[in-house]
Amino acid sequence: MNPGKLNKRIDVYSKVEKKNELKEEYFDFEKQKTIWAQVMPQTYNMQRAQAETMLTNVTHKLIVRYNAGKSITKSDYIMFGDHRFDIEFILDPYFAHKELEIFVKEVIE
């Protein structure tokens, strides 16, 4: 792995359990950590629906160091600037424990 390619800072948000003032439990997302990553666009698909509505489907691959990303799960999401990415799956290439490839889908609202 070339560490010089890890040139983007991403924020990882995880679901945590909280209690409100009535002692009721609920889940909310909190920022867990900020790590270095390489962000690579993979595919782009634009679809037309009824009444001239445009839907987009943009996927990316994020490459991070294994130790920095081994606590990331599929239920987390990632923020890069103003862009939110939902995690599709996480891959450890060749089970080498050197880097993780995180395949994500951009959420466009």
Protein backbone atom coordinates (compact mmCIF):
# COMPACT_ATOMS: atom_id res chain seq x y z
CA MET A 1 0.00 0.00 0.00
CA ASN A 2 1.24 3.45 -0.89
CA PRO A 3 0.40 5.73 2.09
CA GLY A 4 0.78 8.79 -0.14
CA LYS A 5 -2.47 7.85 -1.89
CA LEU A 6 -4.42 8.09 1.37
CA ASN A 7 -4.98 11.80 0.82
CA LYS A 8 -8.59 12.36 1.97
CA ARG A 9 -9.93 12.66 5.50
CA ILE A 10 -13.20 10.78 6.08
CA ASP A 11 -15.42 10.71 9.16
CA VAL A 12 -16.96 7.45 10.37
CA TYR A 13 -20.34 7.64 12.12
CA SER A 14 -21.64 4.73 14.21
CA LYS A 15 -24.97 4.00 15.85
CA VAL A 16 -24.83 4.47 19.63
CA GLU A 17 -27.42 3.90 22.32
CA LYS A 18 -28.54 6.99 24.23
CA LYS A 19 -31.09 7.87 26.90
CA ASN A 20 -33.35 10.91 26.87
CA GLU A 21 -34.60 12.89 29.85
CA LEU A 22 -37.38 10.31 30.44
CA LYS A 23 -34.76 7.52 30.67
CA GLU A 24 -36.01 6.02 27.40
CA GLU A 25 -33.40 4.35 25.23
CA TYR A 26 -32.96 5.31 21.59
CA PHE A 27 -30.27 5.06 18.93
CA ASP A 28 -28.51 7.93 17.23
CA PHE A 29 -25.42 8.28 15.05
CA GLU A 30 -22.25 9.82 16.48
CA LYS A 31 -18.90 10.56 14.91
CA GLN A 32 -16.51 7.83 16.04
CA LYS A 33 -13.28 8.72 14.27
CA THR A 34 -11.59 10.53 11.41
CA ILE A 35 -9.20 8.51 9.25
CA TRP A 36 -7.17 8.90 6.07
CA ALA A 37 -8.53 7.22 2.93
CA GLN A 38 -8.26 7.06 -0.81
CA VAL A 39 -11.61 7.87 -2.47
CA MET A 40 -12.14 6.37 -5.92
CA PRO A 41 -15.37 6.65 -7.96
CA GLN A 42 -16.45 3.28 -9.36
CA THR A 43 -19.78 3.54 -11.19
CA TYR A 44 -22.41 6.09 -12.03
CA ASN A 45 -25.95 5.41 -13.18
CA MET A 46 -28.65 7.95 -13.96
CA GLN A 47 -32.24 6.80 -14.24
CA ARG A 48 -35.35 8.59 -15.36
CA ALA A 49 -38.60 7.96 -13.56
CA GLN A 50 -42.07 9.29 -14.17
CA ALA A 51 -42.70 13.03 -14.49
CA GLU A 52 -39.11 13.85 -15.47
CA THR A 53 -37.72 12.79 -12.09
CA MET A 54 -34.00 12.01 -12.13
CA LEU A 55 -32.52 9.36 -9.85
CA THR A 56 -28.80 8.86 -9.53
CA ASN A 57 -26.80 5.92 -8.24
CA VAL A 58 -23.15 6.72 -7.55
CA THR A 59 -20.82 4.19 -5.95
CA HIS A 60 -17.28 4.65 -4.68
CA LYS A 61 -14.48 2.56 -3.25
CA LEU A 62 -12.62 3.81 -0.19
CA ILE A 63 -9.25 2.33 0.69
CA VAL A 64 -8.09 2.66 4.30
CA ARG A 65 -5.38 1.09 6.46
CA TYR A 66 -6.49 -2.18 8.04
CA ASN A 67 -5.89 -1.14 11.65
CA ALA A 68 -7.63 2.19 11.18
CA GLY A 69 -10.73 0.63 9.61
CA LYS A 70 -11.12 -2.77 11.24
CA SER A 71 -13.79 -1.48 13.65
CA ILE A 72 -15.99 -0.15 10.81
CA THR A 73 -19.18 -2.16 10.29
CA LYS A 74 -21.85 -2.25 7.60
CA SER A 75 -24.29 -0.40 9.86
CA ASP A 76 -22.01 2.68 9.97
CA TYR A 77 -21.93 5.48 7.44
CA ILE A 78 -19.13 7.71 6.17
CA MET A 79 -18.99 11.45 5.58
CA PHE A 80 -16.53 13.02 3.16
CA GLY A 81 -17.05 16.76 3.12
CA ASP A 82 -20.77 17.30 2.51
CA HIS A 83 -21.23 13.85 0.95
CA ARG A 84 -22.76 10.96 2.88
CA PHE A 85 -21.90 7.38 1.92
CA ASP A 86 -23.73 4.24 3.08
CA ILE A 87 -21.54 1.15 3.33
CA GLU A 88 -22.45 -1.68 0.95
CA PHE A 89 -19.69 -4.11 1.95
CA ILE A 90 -16.14 -4.25 3.32
CA LEU A 91 -13.38 -6.30 1.72
CA ASP A 92 -9.95 -7.35 3.04
CA PRO A 93 -8.07 -8.13 -0.21
CA TYR A 94 -6.37 -11.54 -0.08
CA PHE A 95 -6.97 -11.56 3.72
CA ALA A 96 -3.59 -9.81 4.04
CA HIS A 97 -4.71 -7.44 6.87
CA LYS A 98 -2.88 -4.53 5.22
CA GLU A 99 -5.75 -2.48 3.83
CA LEU A 100 -9.53 -2.53 3.64
CA GLU A 101 -11.60 -1.74 0.58
CA ILE A 102 -14.92 -0.25 1.62
CA PHE A 103 -17.51 -0.15 -1.15
CA VAL A 104 -20.04 2.60 -0.53
CA LYS A 105 -23.05 4.20 -2.19
CA GLU A 106 -23.47 7.95 -2.09
CA VAL A 107 -26.73 9.15 -0.58
CA ILE A 108 -28.09 12.01 -2.67
CA GLU A 109 -30.97 13.86 -1.06
